[in-house]
Amino acid sequence: MTRTTTSRGSPLAKQRKYRRLMFGVLFGGVAVALLLREVLGYPLVSEVVYWVAVLGFFAVLFGSSMTLFDERDRALEERASRWTLTILAPVLAITASVGRLLPRVSDYALPDAVWPALYGFIGVYVLFAVIYGVLRSRS
């Protein structure tokens, strides 16, 4: 019986392998960092492990010899971003309105920790608007 020679792997299989490695390094590092910080009580070592995982993610992303994300991935990211911004906008508006009105009409109020999160959301939308404006003016 003669052996059939095949290629070592299709480009798609290599792309999948590198993407799995990239996200595996990141998520594995985050899991180990959380274990070190929350369970074992080593916050400094945890931060080092976290940053090694982040650097490993970028090393695989930029160090691989092939393109890991193509136009289909970019189109999917654009759709996901659009839906995220579209869904969060009314949530932000309603939550902010309820947060302002609730103490005036009842004995309840939003916790103080909610307001920085709401301002963070507002910051994301402001940043989006600025970047959108710059990109639109250049085209």
N, C-alpha and C. Protein backbone atom coordinates (compact mmCIF):
# COMPACT_ATOMS: atom_id res chain seq x y z
N MET A 1 0.84 -1.16 0.00
CA MET A 1 0.00 0.00 0.00
C MET A 1 0.90 1.24 0.00
N THR A 2 0.60 2.14 -0.89
CA THR A 2 1.40 3.36 -0.97
C THR A 2 0.72 4.47 -0.17
N ARG A 3 1.53 5.30 0.37
CA ARG A 3 1.00 6.42 1.15
C ARG A 3 0.68 7.59 0.24
N THR A 4 -0.38 8.23 0.56
CA THR A 4 -0.76 9.43 -0.18
C THR A 4 -0.19 10.63 0.56
N THR A 5 0.49 11.48 -0.18
CA THR A 5 1.05 12.66 0.47
C THR A 5 -0.01 13.76 0.49
N THR A 6 -0.16 14.35 1.62
CA THR A 6 -1.10 15.45 1.77
C THR A 6 -0.36 16.64 2.34
N SER A 7 -0.93 17.78 2.17
CA SER A 7 -0.31 18.98 2.74
C SER A 7 -0.41 18.92 4.26
N ARG A 8 0.46 19.62 4.91
CA ARG A 8 0.50 19.57 6.37
C ARG A 8 -0.72 20.19 7.02
N GLY A 9 -1.46 20.94 6.30
CA GLY A 9 -2.66 21.56 6.85
C GLY A 9 -3.10 22.69 5.95
N SER A 10 -4.36 22.80 5.84
CA SER A 10 -4.88 23.88 5.01
C SER A 10 -4.66 25.22 5.70
N PRO A 11 -4.66 26.30 4.94
CA PRO A 11 -4.52 27.61 5.57
C PRO A 11 -5.63 27.89 6.59
N LEU A 12 -6.82 27.40 6.31
CA LEU A 12 -7.92 27.60 7.24
C LEU A 12 -7.67 26.86 8.56
N ALA A 13 -7.12 25.64 8.47
CA ALA A 13 -6.81 24.89 9.69
C ALA A 13 -5.71 25.59 10.49
N LYS A 14 -4.71 26.13 9.81
CA LYS A 14 -3.65 26.86 10.50
C LYS A 14 -4.21 28.12 11.16
N GLN A 15 -5.09 28.79 10.44
CA GLN A 15 -5.71 30.00 10.98
C GLN A 15 -6.49 29.66 12.25
N ARG A 16 -7.26 28.59 12.20
CA ARG A 16 -8.02 28.16 13.38
C ARG A 16 -7.09 27.81 14.53
N LYS A 17 -5.99 27.11 14.22
CA LYS A 17 -5.04 26.72 15.26
C LYS A 17 -4.44 27.94 15.94
N TYR A 18 -4.02 28.93 15.17
CA TYR A 18 -3.43 30.13 15.75
C TYR A 18 -4.46 30.94 16.54
N ARG A 19 -5.68 30.99 16.05
CA ARG A 19 -6.71 31.73 16.78
C ARG A 19 -7.03 31.04 18.10
N ARG A 20 -7.11 29.72 18.09
CA ARG A 20 -7.34 28.98 19.34
C ARG A 20 -6.19 29.21 20.31
N LEU A 21 -4.96 29.17 19.79
CA LEU A 21 -3.79 29.41 20.64
C LEU A 21 -3.84 30.81 21.23
N MET A 22 -4.16 31.78 20.39
CA MET A 22 -4.19 33.17 20.82
C MET A 22 -5.20 33.38 21.95
N PHE A 23 -6.43 32.92 21.75
CA PHE A 23 -7.45 33.10 22.78
C PHE A 23 -7.23 32.16 23.96
N GLY A 24 -6.65 30.98 23.73
CA GLY A 24 -6.33 30.07 24.82
C GLY A 24 -5.31 30.67 25.77
N VAL A 25 -4.28 31.30 25.20
CA VAL A 25 -3.27 31.96 26.03
C VAL A 25 -3.91 33.07 26.85
N LEU A 26 -4.76 33.86 26.22
CA LEU A 26 -5.39 34.98 26.92
C LEU A 26 -6.33 34.49 28.02
N PHE A 27 -7.28 33.63 27.67
CA PHE A 27 -8.26 33.17 28.67
C PHE A 27 -7.61 32.29 29.74
N GLY A 28 -6.65 31.47 29.35
CA GLY A 28 -5.94 30.66 30.34
C GLY A 28 -5.16 31.53 31.31
N GLY A 29 -4.50 32.55 30.78
CA GLY A 29 -3.76 33.47 31.64
C GLY A 29 -4.66 34.23 32.59
N VAL A 30 -5.81 34.67 32.09
CA VAL A 30 -6.76 35.38 32.94
C VAL A 30 -7.29 34.45 34.04
N ALA A 31 -7.58 33.20 33.68
CA ALA A 31 -8.07 32.24 34.68
C ALA A 31 -7.02 31.99 35.76
N VAL A 32 -5.78 31.79 35.34
CA VAL A 32 -4.70 31.56 36.32
C VAL A 32 -4.49 32.81 37.17
N ALA A 33 -4.55 33.99 36.55
CA ALA A 33 -4.38 35.23 37.30
C ALA A 33 -5.49 35.41 38.33
N LEU A 34 -6.72 35.10 37.95
CA LEU A 34 -7.82 35.19 38.92
C LEU A 34 -7.63 34.20 40.06
N LEU A 35 -7.21 33.00 39.74
CA LEU A 35 -6.95 32.00 40.78
C LEU A 35 -5.86 32.49 41.73
N LEU A 36 -4.79 33.02 41.17
CA LEU A 36 -3.70 33.51 42.01
C LEU A 36 -4.14 34.67 42.90
N ARG A 37 -4.94 35.57 42.36
CA ARG A 37 -5.34 36.74 43.13
C ARG A 37 -6.45 36.44 44.13
N GLU A 38 -7.50 35.78 43.69
CA GLU A 38 -8.69 35.62 44.53
C GLU A 38 -8.60 34.45 45.50
N VAL A 39 -7.99 33.35 45.06
CA VAL A 39 -7.97 32.15 45.90
C VAL A 39 -6.68 32.04 46.69
N LEU A 40 -5.56 32.23 46.01
CA LEU A 40 -4.27 32.01 46.66
C LEU A 40 -3.68 33.26 47.31
N GLY A 41 -4.20 34.44 46.97
CA GLY A 41 -3.75 35.67 47.62
C GLY A 41 -2.42 36.20 47.14
N TYR A 42 -2.12 36.07 45.86
CA TYR A 42 -0.88 36.60 45.29
C TYR A 42 -1.20 37.66 44.24
N PRO A 43 -1.55 38.88 44.66
CA PRO A 43 -1.98 39.88 43.68
C PRO A 43 -0.87 40.32 42.72
N LEU A 44 0.36 40.43 43.19
CA LEU A 44 1.45 40.88 42.32
C LEU A 44 1.78 39.83 41.27
N VAL A 45 1.88 38.58 41.69
CA VAL A 45 2.14 37.49 40.74
C VAL A 45 0.97 37.38 39.77
N SER A 46 -0.23 37.59 40.26
CA SER A 46 -1.41 37.55 39.41
C SER A 46 -1.33 38.58 38.30
N GLU A 47 -0.91 39.79 38.63
CA GLU A 47 -0.78 40.85 37.61
C GLU A 47 0.28 40.49 36.58
N VAL A 48 1.38 39.91 37.03
CA VAL A 48 2.44 39.50 36.10
C VAL A 48 1.91 38.44 35.14
N VAL A 49 1.20 37.45 35.67
CA VAL A 49 0.63 36.40 34.82
C VAL A 49 -0.36 37.00 33.84
N TYR A 50 -1.18 37.92 34.30
CA TYR A 50 -2.15 38.58 33.42
C TYR A 50 -1.45 39.27 32.26
N TRP A 51 -0.41 40.04 32.55
CA TRP A 51 0.27 40.78 31.48
C TRP A 51 1.07 39.86 30.57
N VAL A 52 1.58 38.77 31.09
CA VAL A 52 2.23 37.78 30.22
C VAL A 52 1.20 37.19 29.26
N ALA A 53 -0.01 36.95 29.74
CA ALA A 53 -1.07 36.43 28.87
C ALA A 53 -1.45 37.44 27.80
N VAL A 54 -1.56 38.71 28.18
CA VAL A 54 -1.89 39.76 27.20
C VAL A 54 -0.79 39.86 26.16
N LEU A 55 0.46 39.87 26.60
CA LEU A 55 1.58 39.93 25.65
C LEU A 55 1.64 38.69 24.78
N GLY A 56 1.31 37.53 25.34
CA GLY A 56 1.24 36.30 24.54
C GLY A 56 0.17 36.38 23.48
N PHE A 57 -0.97 36.94 23.82
CA PHE A 57 -2.06 37.15 22.86
C PHE A 57 -1.56 37.98 21.68
N PHE A 58 -0.92 39.11 21.97
CA PHE A 58 -0.43 39.97 20.89
C PHE A 58 0.74 39.35 20.15
N ALA A 59 1.55 38.55 20.84
CA ALA A 59 2.66 37.88 20.16
C ALA A 59 2.14 36.91 19.11
N VAL A 60 1.10 36.17 19.43
CA VAL A 60 0.51 35.25 18.45
C VAL A 60 -0.19 36.04 17.35
N LEU A 61 -0.92 37.09 17.73
CA LEU A 61 -1.66 37.88 16.75
C LEU A 61 -0.73 38.52 15.72
N PHE A 62 0.34 39.15 16.18
CA PHE A 62 1.22 39.86 15.26
C PHE A 62 2.42 39.03 14.84
N GLY A 63 2.72 37.96 15.54
CA GLY A 63 3.90 37.15 15.23
C GLY A 63 3.64 36.00 14.28
N SER A 64 2.38 35.68 14.04
CA SER A 64 2.09 34.57 13.13
C SER A 64 2.31 35.01 11.70
N SER A 65 2.62 34.06 10.85
CA SER A 65 2.96 34.37 9.47
C SER A 65 1.73 34.50 8.58
N MET A 66 0.56 34.37 9.13
CA MET A 66 -0.65 34.44 8.31
C MET A 66 -1.65 35.41 8.92
N THR A 67 -2.59 35.82 8.11
CA THR A 67 -3.66 36.71 8.55
C THR A 67 -4.68 35.89 9.35
N LEU A 68 -4.89 36.29 10.59
CA LEU A 68 -5.80 35.53 11.45
C LEU A 68 -7.25 36.00 11.34
N PHE A 69 -7.45 37.22 10.88
CA PHE A 69 -8.80 37.76 10.74
C PHE A 69 -8.93 38.35 9.35
N ASP A 70 -10.02 38.01 8.67
CA ASP A 70 -10.22 38.49 7.30
C ASP A 70 -11.43 39.41 7.24
N GLU A 71 -11.86 39.72 6.02
CA GLU A 71 -12.97 40.66 5.84
C GLU A 71 -14.28 40.15 6.43
N ARG A 72 -14.46 38.84 6.48
CA ARG A 72 -15.68 38.30 7.10
C ARG A 72 -15.70 38.59 8.59
N ASP A 73 -14.53 38.44 9.23
CA ASP A 73 -14.44 38.75 10.65
C ASP A 73 -14.67 40.23 10.91
N ARG A 74 -14.11 41.08 10.05
CA ARG A 74 -14.32 42.52 10.21
C ARG A 74 -15.79 42.89 10.05
N ALA A 75 -16.46 42.29 9.06
CA ALA A 75 -17.89 42.57 8.85
C ALA A 75 -18.70 42.11 10.06
N LEU A 76 -18.35 40.95 10.62
CA LEU A 76 -19.05 40.46 11.81
C LEU A 76 -18.81 41.38 13.00
N GLU A 77 -17.58 41.87 13.17
CA GLU A 77 -17.28 42.81 14.25
C GLU A 77 -18.07 44.10 14.10
N GLU A 78 -18.19 44.59 12.86
CA GLU A 78 -18.96 45.81 12.63
C GLU A 78 -20.43 45.61 12.98
N ARG A 79 -21.00 44.47 12.60
CA ARG A 79 -22.39 44.19 12.93
C ARG A 79 -22.58 44.08 14.44
N ALA A 80 -21.67 43.36 15.10
CA ALA A 80 -21.77 43.20 16.55
C ALA A 80 -21.62 44.55 17.26
N SER A 81 -20.71 45.38 16.80
CA SER A 81 -20.54 46.71 17.40
C SER A 81 -21.78 47.56 17.21
N ARG A 82 -22.33 47.51 16.01
CA ARG A 82 -23.54 48.30 15.73
C ARG A 82 -24.69 47.87 16.64
N TRP A 83 -24.89 46.55 16.77
CA TRP A 83 -25.98 46.06 17.63
C TRP A 83 -25.73 46.41 19.09
N THR A 84 -24.48 46.32 19.53
CA THR A 84 -24.15 46.65 20.92
C THR A 84 -24.47 48.11 21.21
N LEU A 85 -24.01 49.00 20.34
CA LEU A 85 -24.28 50.42 20.55
C LEU A 85 -25.77 50.73 20.46
N THR A 86 -26.46 50.06 19.55
CA THR A 86 -27.90 50.28 19.38
C THR A 86 -28.69 49.81 20.59
N ILE A 87 -28.31 48.70 21.17
CA ILE A 87 -29.03 48.17 22.33
C ILE A 87 -28.70 48.96 23.59
N LEU A 88 -27.43 49.33 23.78
CA LEU A 88 -27.05 50.01 25.01
C LEU A 88 -27.51 51.46 25.07
N ALA A 89 -27.74 52.11 23.94
CA ALA A 89 -28.17 53.51 23.96
C ALA A 89 -29.48 53.70 24.71
N PRO A 90 -30.55 52.95 24.39
CA PRO A 90 -31.77 53.15 25.18
C PRO A 90 -31.63 52.69 26.62
N VAL A 91 -30.84 51.66 26.86
CA VAL A 91 -30.62 51.21 28.24
C VAL A 91 -29.97 52.33 29.05
N LEU A 92 -28.98 52.99 28.45
CA LEU A 92 -28.31 54.11 29.12
C LEU A 92 -29.29 55.25 29.38
N ALA A 93 -30.07 55.61 28.38
CA ALA A 93 -31.01 56.72 28.53
C ALA A 93 -32.06 56.43 29.60
N ILE A 94 -32.60 55.23 29.59
CA ILE A 94 -33.64 54.86 30.56
C ILE A 94 -33.06 54.78 31.97
N THR A 95 -31.90 54.15 32.10
CA THR A 95 -31.28 54.02 33.43
C THR A 95 -30.93 55.38 34.01
N ALA A 96 -30.39 56.27 33.18
CA ALA A 96 -30.04 57.61 33.68
C ALA A 96 -31.30 58.37 34.10
N SER A 97 -32.35 58.25 33.30
CA SER A 97 -33.60 58.94 33.64
C SER A 97 -34.21 58.40 34.93
N VAL A 98 -34.25 57.09 35.04
CA VAL A 98 -34.78 56.47 36.26
C VAL A 98 -33.91 56.85 37.46
N GLY A 99 -32.61 56.87 37.26
CA GLY A 99 -31.71 57.22 38.35
C GLY A 99 -31.90 58.64 38.85
N ARG A 100 -32.23 59.55 37.95
CA ARG A 100 -32.48 60.94 38.36
C ARG A 100 -33.85 61.10 39.01
N LEU A 101 -34.85 60.39 38.49
CA LEU A 101 -36.23 60.57 38.98
C LEU A 101 -36.57 59.75 40.22
N LEU A 102 -35.96 58.60 40.36
CA LEU A 102 -36.33 57.68 41.44
C LEU A 102 -36.26 58.32 42.82
N PRO A 103 -35.20 59.04 43.19
CA PRO A 103 -35.19 59.63 44.53
C PRO A 103 -36.22 60.75 44.72
N ARG A 104 -36.67 61.34 43.64
CA ARG A 104 -37.65 62.44 43.73
C ARG A 104 -39.08 61.93 43.92
N VAL A 105 -39.35 60.71 43.44
CA VAL A 105 -40.73 60.21 43.50
C VAL A 105 -40.89 59.04 44.47
N SER A 106 -39.81 58.57 45.06
CA SER A 106 -39.91 57.43 45.98
C SER A 106 -38.80 57.52 47.02
N ASP A 107 -38.77 56.50 47.86
CA ASP A 107 -37.73 56.43 48.89
C ASP A 107 -36.50 55.67 48.40
N TYR A 108 -36.49 55.28 47.16
CA TYR A 108 -35.40 54.49 46.61
C TYR A 108 -34.48 55.36 45.76
N ALA A 109 -33.25 54.91 45.62
CA ALA A 109 -32.27 55.59 44.76
C ALA A 109 -31.31 54.54 44.21
N LEU A 110 -30.75 54.84 43.07
CA LEU A 110 -29.73 53.94 42.52
C LEU A 110 -28.50 53.98 43.41
N PRO A 111 -27.80 52.87 43.55
CA PRO A 111 -26.56 52.89 44.33
C PRO A 111 -25.55 53.87 43.71
N ASP A 112 -24.71 54.44 44.55
CA ASP A 112 -23.72 55.40 44.07
C ASP A 112 -22.75 54.80 43.06
N ALA A 113 -22.54 53.50 43.12
CA ALA A 113 -21.61 52.85 42.20
C ALA A 113 -22.13 52.81 40.77
N VAL A 114 -23.43 53.03 40.57
CA VAL A 114 -24.01 52.98 39.22
C VAL A 114 -23.60 54.20 38.41
N TRP A 115 -23.47 55.35 39.05
CA TRP A 115 -23.21 56.59 38.30
C TRP A 115 -21.88 56.58 37.57
N PRO A 116 -20.77 56.13 38.16
CA PRO A 116 -19.54 56.06 37.36
C PRO A 116 -19.66 55.12 36.16
N ALA A 117 -20.41 54.04 36.32
CA ALA A 117 -20.62 53.13 35.18
C ALA A 117 -21.41 53.83 34.08
N LEU A 118 -22.43 54.60 34.46
CA LEU A 118 -23.20 55.34 33.46
C LEU A 118 -22.33 56.38 32.76
N TYR A 119 -21.49 57.07 33.52
CA TYR A 119 -20.59 58.05 32.89
C TYR A 119 -19.57 57.35 31.99
N GLY A 120 -19.19 56.13 32.35
CA GLY A 120 -18.31 55.35 31.47
C GLY A 120 -18.99 55.03 30.15
N PHE A 121 -20.27 54.65 30.22
CA PHE A 121 -21.03 54.40 28.98
C PHE A 121 -21.13 55.67 28.14
N ILE A 122 -21.39 56.78 28.81
CA ILE A 122 -21.47 58.05 28.08
C ILE A 122 -20.13 58.35 27.41
N GLY A 123 -19.04 58.08 28.11
CA GLY A 123 -17.71 58.27 27.53
C GLY A 123 -17.49 57.43 26.29
N VAL A 124 -17.99 56.20 26.30
CA VAL A 124 -17.87 55.33 25.11
C VAL A 124 -18.61 55.95 23.93
N TYR A 125 -19.81 56.44 24.17
CA TYR A 125 -20.58 57.05 23.08
C TYR A 125 -19.95 58.36 22.59
N VAL A 126 -19.39 59.15 23.50
CA VAL A 126 -18.70 60.38 23.09
C VAL A 126 -17.47 60.03 22.25
N LEU A 127 -16.71 59.05 22.69
CA LEU A 127 -15.54 58.62 21.93
C LEU A 127 -15.94 58.11 20.55
N PHE A 128 -17.01 57.33 20.49
CA PHE A 128 -17.52 56.84 19.21
C PHE A 128 -17.88 58.01 18.30
N ALA A 129 -18.57 59.00 18.84
CA ALA A 129 -18.98 60.16 18.03
C ALA A 129 -17.77 60.93 17.52
N VAL A 130 -16.76 61.10 18.35
CA VAL A 130 -15.55 61.82 17.93
C VAL A 130 -14.84 61.06 16.82
N ILE A 131 -14.64 59.77 17.01
CA ILE A 131 -13.96 58.96 15.99
C ILE A 131 -14.78 58.92 14.71
N TYR A 132 -16.07 58.79 14.84
CA TYR A 132 -16.95 58.79 13.66
C TYR A 132 -16.82 60.12 12.91
N GLY A 133 -16.83 61.21 13.64
CA GLY A 133 -16.70 62.52 13.00
C GLY A 133 -15.37 62.70 12.29
N VAL A 134 -14.29 62.25 12.93
CA VAL A 134 -12.97 62.36 12.30
C VAL A 134 -12.91 61.51 11.04
N LEU A 135 -13.37 60.27 11.12
CA LEU A 135 -13.34 59.39 9.95
C LEU A 135 -14.22 59.92 8.83
N ARG A 136 -15.36 60.47 9.19
CA ARG A 136 -16.27 61.00 8.17
C ARG A 136 -15.67 62.24 7.49
N SER A 137 -15.00 63.08 8.26
CA SER A 137 -14.42 64.28 7.66
C SER A 137 -13.24 63.96 6.75
N ARG A 138 -12.58 62.85 6.99
CA ARG A 138 -11.45 62.45 6.14
C ARG A 138 -11.88 61.77 4.86
N SER A 139 -13.11 61.26 4.81
CA SER A 139 -13.52 60.54 3.60
C SER A 139 -14.34 61.39 2.66
